[in-house]
Each structure stands twice: as C-alpha cells, then as structure tokens.
C-alpha cells in the first residue's frame, strides 16, 4: 500500500465490515474476537501437532470434539497465492518442502485487531499448559507500517493442487516426501450482500489471482503448534479460506496510481515522432524514393510540354 491508497476510507469501511461479520452466528466458524475460555488443546497424530478444539455439545457424543475454525477480517498487505505458472516460476525440487501459499492482513490500527491479538495470547497460554515442559517458541504479532498484522499459511511440506497448479509444476513433486491432503485445501470466495435489509450474505467461488494488496478480506483459519527440527514448538495459523469482502478502495488506488504514472511520462517530441515513422527497411525507403522521383519527372515533363506548344491563339487575334 502506498500514498494512492485511501487509508482513512479503508479504516471506516473495514471497521464497519468487521463489526457486521463478527456479529454473525456461523456454525462452521467462530470470530477470533469471541470468548476462548471453553476451548481446549488436543494432540493430533497425522501430522503430529497440537490443535485447538471445541467439545461437541451433544449428549450422545459426550467427549467428542472437532477442530476450532476461526475467522478474522483485515486488509491484505502481502500475499503469495496461486496459480503457479511454469512460464514465470522456476522451482527446484529441493525448494518443495518450503513452498506454501500465505497471506498477511492488517487491521490498520483499529481496536478490534488488538482484541484479536489479546485472544491469541490467551490461546498461547493454553498451548503452554498442554505442552508442559516442552519449549514453545514465543509468539508476537507482526508489524507493518506501525500496525499489528497476522500471517496465515499452509503447513510446511504440503502442496496445493486442485485448480491452482495449471501447469503441473507441483504435481510432479509428489512422491518426493511431499504430500497433498485436506490440509492443503484452501477455498477462495467473494462475499456479496444485497442492499435490501434482512438479506443474507451470498458467496461465490473466485480465482485466487483476483486477490490484490489493499483488498478487504475475511480469513478462516485454524491454530496449531507444530514441532520444529530443533525440538521446540511453534504456533502457526493455517489458512483454510480467503473471502473477498470489498475491493473498491484497492481498485481506486490502482486507477490513481496509473494516472500518476501517465502524468510522469515524458511527451514525445517531433524528432522522436519522425524517427518512429521513418521506414526502417532499406527496400521500403528505396521504393518510396523512386516513387517520389517518378512523380517529379512526370510533373517536369508536363511543364516542358506546355512551354514548347506555346499559348493557343484565335484567328481574330491577327491584324
């Protein structure tokens, strides 16, 4: 984001959208701003991780649980998203374990992001207790332009495939210690809400290439602690879906940026224009030169004929 991006307008719109979205009572996910006291940590084996879970509130399923899915809104300040095209990307097989799509969002200094960060610290304390004596790497929110930010990614060593690997760049890496499971699946959507009151949000699938820096989005994600090579654990935020809420401000910034670039372009002077329209091919130049000479010769011939014939006279002109 640069000086063409209307930060004040973005703050107003983001604050309104996050308030409306976080007030929704969705079955599949909960706002990161909601209470986290009832959440627990559960160890998973495939892959081996510790994750945040919700106990099922169903009598016949007492003791069962499911992984908690959170949602958070923000403005994209960085992203690395599909599709991955072979023509513009060169990937070595040794790089495959480190490939992952990710997106970073900022709250532009709004208070709700501070509340979200505070809840992450509360969940961090739950991870510490669950891991007991095992080391857990400290967590702190990232910073960009003085604002709190958060980054969401895939699990290392897994690759996205369906719909995001048109040239088969990643598919050819399977079988070399690289796997593709449900952990890879990321949904890309656009949310629309009619202007009429009491109408629900509607969602449609979109291409991940449609997301740009400055877009206001909502992210659904899970939180887990993964073990690193050094033996300690690290908290990561696993990207599950990316939903476009508004792109009007980022589009306006693009238009403003393009207009500014045009104004900075130097006007082409007459000499440059003549150079551009000058024939580059010598044969073309020769043909044009010969045609011009023919025209001159014909004109000269007509003038000589007129002079040699003399003026026309009438018999009455004689004495």
Protein backbone atom coordinates (compact mmCIF):
# COMPACT_ATOMS: atom_id res chain seq x y z
CA UNK A 1 0.00 0.00 0.00
CA UNK A 2 1.22 3.49 -0.89
CA UNK A 3 0.06 7.10 -0.88
CA UNK A 4 -2.53 6.27 -3.56
CA UNK A 5 -4.33 4.02 -1.06
CA UNK A 6 -7.02 5.89 0.91
CA UNK A 7 -6.21 4.65 4.43
CA UNK A 8 -8.90 6.70 6.18
CA UNK A 9 -11.63 5.42 3.87
CA UNK A 10 -10.29 1.88 4.26
CA UNK A 11 -10.40 2.16 8.06
CA UNK A 12 -14.02 3.28 8.02
CA UNK A 13 -15.10 0.52 5.66
CA UNK A 14 -13.05 -2.18 7.41
CA UNK A 15 -14.42 -1.25 10.83
CA UNK A 16 -17.98 -1.46 9.54
CA UNK A 17 -17.43 -4.79 7.80
CA UNK A 18 -15.61 -6.46 10.68
CA UNK A 19 -18.32 -5.41 13.13
CA UNK A 20 -21.04 -6.87 10.94
CA UNK A 21 -19.13 -10.05 10.13
CA UNK A 22 -18.07 -10.75 13.71
CA UNK A 23 -21.68 -10.40 14.87
CA UNK A 24 -22.73 -13.29 12.61
CA UNK A 25 -23.53 -16.58 14.33
CA UNK A 26 -21.97 -19.01 11.88
CA UNK A 27 -21.99 -22.74 12.53
CA UNK A 28 -18.73 -23.55 10.78
CA UNK A 29 -16.51 -20.88 12.37
CA UNK A 30 -16.29 -18.50 15.29
CA UNK A 31 -14.95 -14.97 15.44
CA UNK A 32 -11.48 -14.64 16.89
CA UNK A 33 -12.96 -11.84 18.99
CA UNK A 34 -15.32 -14.22 20.80
CA UNK A 35 -14.55 -15.85 24.16
CA UNK A 36 -11.95 -18.62 24.08
CA UNK A 37 -12.26 -19.89 27.67
CA UNK A 38 -14.16 -23.04 26.62
CA UNK A 39 -11.58 -24.10 24.03
CA UNK A 40 -9.13 -26.92 24.68
CA UNK A 41 -5.87 -28.28 23.25
CA UNK A 42 -5.78 -31.74 21.70
CA UNK A 43 -2.82 -33.69 20.30
CA UNK A 44 -3.17 -34.94 16.72
CA UNK A 45 -1.02 -37.65 15.16
CA UNK A 46 -1.31 -37.12 11.38
CA UNK A 47 0.58 -34.87 11.16
CA UNK A 48 1.78 -34.71 14.73
CA UNK A 49 0.54 -31.40 16.07
CA UNK A 50 -1.33 -29.84 18.98
CA UNK A 51 -4.53 -28.10 17.95
CA UNK A 52 -7.35 -26.03 19.40
CA UNK A 53 -10.61 -27.99 19.60
CA UNK A 54 -14.21 -27.46 20.61
CA UNK A 55 -16.00 -30.11 22.65
CA UNK A 56 -19.20 -31.25 20.95
CA UNK A 57 -22.25 -30.10 22.86
CA UNK A 58 -24.24 -33.23 22.07
CA UNK A 59 -25.21 -35.68 24.87
CA UNK A 60 -24.84 -38.81 22.71
CA UNK A 61 -21.38 -37.66 21.60
CA UNK A 62 -20.01 -36.85 25.02
CA UNK A 63 -16.24 -36.48 24.96
CA UNK A 64 -16.04 -35.98 21.20
CA UNK A 65 -14.58 -32.84 19.71
CA UNK A 66 -13.80 -31.05 16.45
CA UNK A 67 -11.06 -28.65 15.45
CA UNK A 68 -11.89 -24.99 16.08
CA UNK A 69 -12.18 -22.82 12.97
CA UNK A 70 -11.70 -19.09 13.46
CA UNK A 71 -12.37 -16.08 11.26
CA UNK A 72 -10.77 -12.64 11.14
CA UNK A 73 -11.04 -9.65 8.82
CA UNK A 74 -8.35 -7.28 7.57
CA UNK A 75 -6.65 -5.59 4.65
CA UNK A 76 -4.16 -7.63 2.60
CA UNK A 77 -0.66 -6.17 2.86
CA UNK A 78 1.21 -9.18 1.44
CA UNK A 79 0.28 -12.40 -0.29
CA UNK A 80 1.73 -15.37 -2.15
CA UNK A 81 -1.18 -17.15 -3.77
CA UNK A 82 -1.81 -19.49 -6.72
CA UNK A 83 -1.89 -20.11 -9.59
CA UNK A 84 1.69 -21.23 -10.03
CA UNK A 85 2.67 -20.98 -13.69
CA UNK A 86 5.74 -22.73 -15.06
CA UNK A 87 6.42 -19.90 -17.50
CA UNK A 88 7.01 -17.36 -14.73
CA UNK A 89 8.22 -19.55 -11.88
CA UNK A 90 11.28 -21.76 -11.65
CA UNK A 91 11.14 -24.18 -8.72
CA UNK A 92 13.79 -26.65 -7.71
CA UNK A 93 12.76 -29.94 -6.15
CA UNK A 94 14.79 -29.03 -3.06
CA UNK A 95 12.53 -25.99 -2.58
CA UNK A 96 9.35 -28.05 -2.46
CA UNK A 97 9.20 -28.59 1.34
CA UNK A 98 9.25 -24.83 1.86
CA UNK A 99 6.55 -23.94 -0.67
CA UNK A 100 3.33 -22.69 0.83
CA UNK A 101 0.72 -20.14 -0.04
CA UNK A 102 0.28 -17.43 2.53
CA UNK A 103 -1.47 -14.11 3.08
CA UNK A 104 -0.86 -11.34 5.60
CA UNK A 105 -3.54 -8.92 6.80
CA UNK A 106 -3.55 -5.75 8.87
CA UNK A 107 -6.26 -4.08 10.94
CA UNK A 108 -4.93 -0.59 10.06
CA UNK A 109 -4.61 0.20 13.77
CA UNK A 110 -8.28 -0.45 14.59
CA UNK A 111 -9.13 -1.64 18.10
CA UNK A 112 -10.65 -4.96 17.04
CA UNK A 113 -7.23 -6.24 15.87
CA UNK A 114 -5.79 -5.51 19.31
CA UNK A 115 -8.59 -7.61 20.83
CA UNK A 116 -7.81 -10.41 18.38
CA UNK A 117 -4.11 -10.34 19.32
CA UNK A 118 -5.04 -10.49 23.02
CA UNK A 119 -7.10 -13.62 22.38
CA UNK A 120 -4.16 -15.22 20.60
CA UNK A 121 -2.08 -14.67 23.73
CA UNK A 122 -4.80 -16.36 25.80
CA UNK A 123 -4.72 -19.34 23.46
CA UNK A 124 -0.92 -19.34 23.63
CA UNK A 125 -1.21 -19.82 27.40
CA UNK A 126 -3.39 -22.90 26.78
CA UNK A 127 -0.73 -24.33 24.45
CA UNK A 128 1.93 -23.77 27.11
CA UNK A 129 -0.01 -25.79 29.65
CA UNK A 130 -0.76 -28.59 27.19
CA UNK A 131 2.89 -28.92 26.16
CA UNK A 132 4.04 -28.77 29.80
CA UNK A 133 7.83 -28.85 29.95
CA UNK A 134 8.29 -28.78 26.17
CA UNK A 135 9.55 -25.49 24.78
CA UNK A 136 7.10 -23.28 22.93
CA UNK A 137 8.55 -20.52 20.78
CA UNK A 138 7.29 -17.08 21.90
CA UNK A 139 4.59 -15.56 19.73
CA UNK A 140 4.10 -11.89 18.89
CA UNK A 141 2.04 -10.13 16.27
CA UNK A 142 3.96 -8.94 13.22
CA UNK A 143 4.20 -5.25 12.39
CA UNK A 144 3.73 -3.43 9.09
CA UNK A 145 3.61 0.37 8.76
CA UNK A 146 3.18 0.56 12.53
CA UNK A 147 0.08 -1.68 12.55
CA UNK A 148 -0.43 -5.11 14.11
CA UNK A 149 -0.58 -7.78 11.42
CA UNK A 150 -1.09 -11.54 11.20
CA UNK A 151 0.13 -14.05 8.63
CA UNK A 152 -1.72 -17.19 7.59
CA UNK A 153 -0.13 -20.09 5.71
CA UNK A 154 -0.23 -23.75 4.85
CA UNK A 155 1.53 -26.50 6.75
CA UNK A 156 5.12 -26.93 5.53
CA UNK A 157 5.75 -29.91 3.29
CA UNK A 158 2.27 -29.91 1.78
CA UNK A 159 1.29 -28.51 -1.60
CA UNK A 160 -1.95 -27.19 -3.13
CA UNK A 161 -3.04 -28.82 -6.37
CA UNK A 162 -6.65 -28.61 -7.50
CA UNK A 163 -7.31 -25.53 -9.61
CA UNK A 164 -4.12 -23.76 -8.54
CA UNK A 165 -1.44 -25.75 -10.38
CA UNK A 166 -2.43 -25.38 -14.07
CA UNK A 167 0.98 -26.39 -15.46
CA UNK A 168 1.50 -29.36 -13.11
CA UNK A 169 4.58 -27.77 -11.50
CA UNK A 170 3.67 -29.03 -8.04
CA UNK A 171 2.04 -32.27 -9.09
CA UNK A 172 5.36 -33.54 -10.44
CA UNK A 173 6.86 -33.13 -6.96
CA UNK A 174 4.53 -35.64 -5.33
CA UNK A 175 6.27 -38.83 -4.27
CA UNK A 176 9.39 -36.98 -3.10
CA UNK A 177 8.36 -36.61 0.53
CA UNK A 178 5.71 -34.06 -0.46
CA UNK A 179 2.06 -34.86 0.27
CA UNK A 180 -1.31 -33.45 -0.66
CA UNK A 181 -4.09 -33.87 1.91
CA UNK A 182 -7.12 -31.93 3.10
CA UNK A 183 -4.69 -29.70 4.97
CA UNK A 184 -3.81 -28.21 1.57
CA UNK A 185 -7.30 -27.24 0.58
CA UNK A 186 -7.94 -23.50 0.61
CA UNK A 187 -11.24 -22.02 -0.55
CA UNK A 188 -11.27 -18.70 -2.42
CA UNK A 189 -14.57 -16.83 -2.40
CA UNK A 190 -16.22 -13.46 -2.86
CA UNK A 191 -18.95 -12.34 -0.46
CA UNK A 192 -21.84 -10.19 -1.61
CA UNK A 193 -24.68 -8.74 0.37
CA UNK A 194 -27.71 -7.13 -1.33
CA UNK A 195 -28.55 -3.59 -0.31
CA UNK A 196 -32.04 -4.64 0.74
CA UNK A 197 -32.45 -5.20 4.51
CA UNK A 198 -32.63 -8.63 6.15
CA UNK A 199 -30.96 -10.38 3.23
CA UNK A 200 -28.13 -12.82 3.90
CA UNK A 201 -24.61 -12.77 2.52
CA UNK A 202 -24.07 -14.74 -0.65
CA UNK A 203 -20.80 -16.41 -1.65
CA UNK A 204 -19.26 -17.42 -4.95
CA UNK A 205 -16.00 -19.16 -5.80
CA UNK A 206 -13.35 -16.99 -7.46
CA UNK A 207 -9.84 -17.43 -8.80
CA UNK A 208 -7.11 -16.71 -6.20
CA UNK A 209 -5.46 -14.44 -8.78
CA UNK A 210 -8.31 -11.97 -8.13
CA UNK A 211 -6.94 -11.04 -4.69
CA UNK A 212 -4.69 -8.00 -4.51
CA UNK A 213 -2.85 -5.84 -1.99
CA UNK A 214 -5.33 -3.47 -0.33
CA UNK A 215 -8.37 -5.75 -0.60
CA UNK A 216 -10.57 -6.09 2.49
CA UNK A 217 -10.92 -9.81 3.19
CA UNK A 218 -12.05 -12.35 5.75
CA UNK A 219 -9.85 -15.31 6.59
CA UNK A 220 -10.93 -18.61 8.09
CA UNK A 221 -8.10 -20.47 9.79
CA UNK A 222 -7.09 -22.98 12.42
CA UNK A 223 -4.37 -22.60 15.05
CA UNK A 224 -1.86 -25.30 15.90
CA UNK A 225 1.52 -25.87 17.48
CA UNK A 226 3.98 -27.73 15.25
CA UNK A 227 7.26 -29.28 16.27
CA UNK A 228 10.37 -27.86 14.64
CA UNK A 229 13.68 -29.54 13.81
CA UNK A 230 15.27 -28.03 16.90
CA UNK A 231 12.72 -29.86 19.05
CA UNK A 232 10.75 -26.85 20.22
CA UNK A 233 7.21 -25.95 19.14
CA UNK A 234 5.89 -23.02 17.18
CA UNK A 235 2.36 -21.66 16.78
CA UNK A 236 1.13 -21.24 13.20
CA UNK A 237 -2.14 -20.02 11.70
CA UNK A 238 -3.30 -22.41 8.98
CA UNK A 239 -5.14 -20.81 6.08
CA UNK A 240 -8.44 -22.51 5.25
CA UNK A 241 -10.36 -19.94 3.24
CA UNK A 242 -9.92 -16.44 1.87
CA UNK A 243 -13.04 -14.38 1.17
CA UNK A 244 -13.10 -11.04 -0.62
CA UNK A 245 -15.36 -8.56 1.19
CA UNK A 246 -14.52 -5.34 -0.71
CA UNK A 247 -12.03 -4.32 -3.38
CA UNK A 248 -13.31 -0.81 -4.17
CA UNK A 249 -10.51 1.01 -2.36
CA UNK A 250 -7.71 -1.11 -3.83
CA UNK A 251 -9.17 -0.63 -7.33
CA UNK A 252 -9.38 3.14 -6.80
CA UNK A 253 -5.74 3.10 -5.71
CA UNK A 254 -4.78 1.25 -8.90
CA UNK A 255 -6.57 3.84 -11.04
CA UNK A 256 -4.88 6.71 -9.18
CA UNK A 257 -1.50 5.00 -9.49
CA UNK A 258 -1.91 4.51 -13.22
CA UNK A 259 -2.97 8.13 -13.80
CA UNK A 260 0.07 9.35 -11.85
CA UNK A 261 2.34 7.15 -13.95
CA UNK A 262 0.90 8.58 -17.17
CA UNK A 263 1.49 12.17 -15.98
CA UNK A 264 5.13 11.33 -15.28
CA UNK A 265 5.70 10.05 -18.79
CA UNK A 266 7.76 12.43 -20.96
CA UNK A 267 5.90 13.74 -24.04
CA UNK A 268 7.34 12.55 -27.35
CA UNK A 269 8.94 15.42 -29.33
CA UNK A 270 8.68 15.89 -33.07
CA UNK A 271 12.12 14.43 -33.75
CA UNK A 272 11.21 11.19 -31.99
CA UNK A 273 7.94 11.02 -33.90
CA UNK A 274 9.74 11.44 -37.23
CA UNK A 275 12.18 8.76 -36.19
CA UNK A 276 9.32 6.41 -35.40
CA UNK A 277 7.53 6.90 -38.75
CA UNK A 278 10.77 6.71 -40.74
CA UNK A 279 10.98 3.49 -42.74
CA UNK A 280 13.36 1.02 -41.17
CA UNK A 281 13.62 -1.31 -44.13
CA UNK A 282 16.03 -0.01 -46.81
CA UNK A 283 13.94 -1.56 -49.63
CA UNK A 284 10.89 0.32 -48.46
CA UNK A 285 12.88 3.54 -48.39
CA UNK A 286 14.17 2.91 -51.91
CA UNK A 287 10.66 2.26 -53.22
CA UNK A 288 9.32 5.44 -51.65
CA UNK A 289 12.28 7.43 -53.01
CA UNK A 290 11.82 6.02 -56.51
CA UNK A 291 8.09 6.73 -56.45
CA UNK A 292 8.79 10.32 -55.45
CA UNK A 293 11.30 10.75 -58.26
CA UNK A 294 8.81 9.39 -60.82
CA UNK A 295 6.23 11.92 -59.66
CA UNK A 296 8.78 14.74 -60.03
CA UNK A 297 9.75 13.61 -63.53
CA UNK A 298 6.14 13.44 -64.65
CA UNK A 299 5.43 16.91 -63.32
CA UNK A 300 8.53 18.30 -65.06
CA UNK A 301 7.53 16.65 -68.33
CA UNK A 302 4.07 18.25 -68.28
CA UNK A 303 5.61 21.67 -67.68
CA UNK A 304 8.03 21.29 -70.66
CA UNK A 305 5.23 20.16 -72.97
CA UNK A 306 3.15 23.18 -72.10
CA UNK A 307 6.03 25.59 -72.71
CA UNK A 308 7.02 24.06 -76.08
CA UNK A 309 3.50 24.14 -77.52
CA UNK A 310 3.12 27.85 -76.71
CA UNK A 311 -0.09 29.65 -75.94
CA UNK A 312 -3.15 28.93 -78.07
CA UNK A 313 -4.29 31.89 -80.33
CA UNK A 314 -7.51 32.77 -82.16
CA UNK A 315 -7.69 33.86 -85.86
CA UNK A 316 -9.31 37.08 -84.77
CA UNK A 317 -6.16 37.99 -82.88
CA UNK A 318 -4.33 38.74 -86.20
CA UNK A 319 -4.38 42.22 -87.71
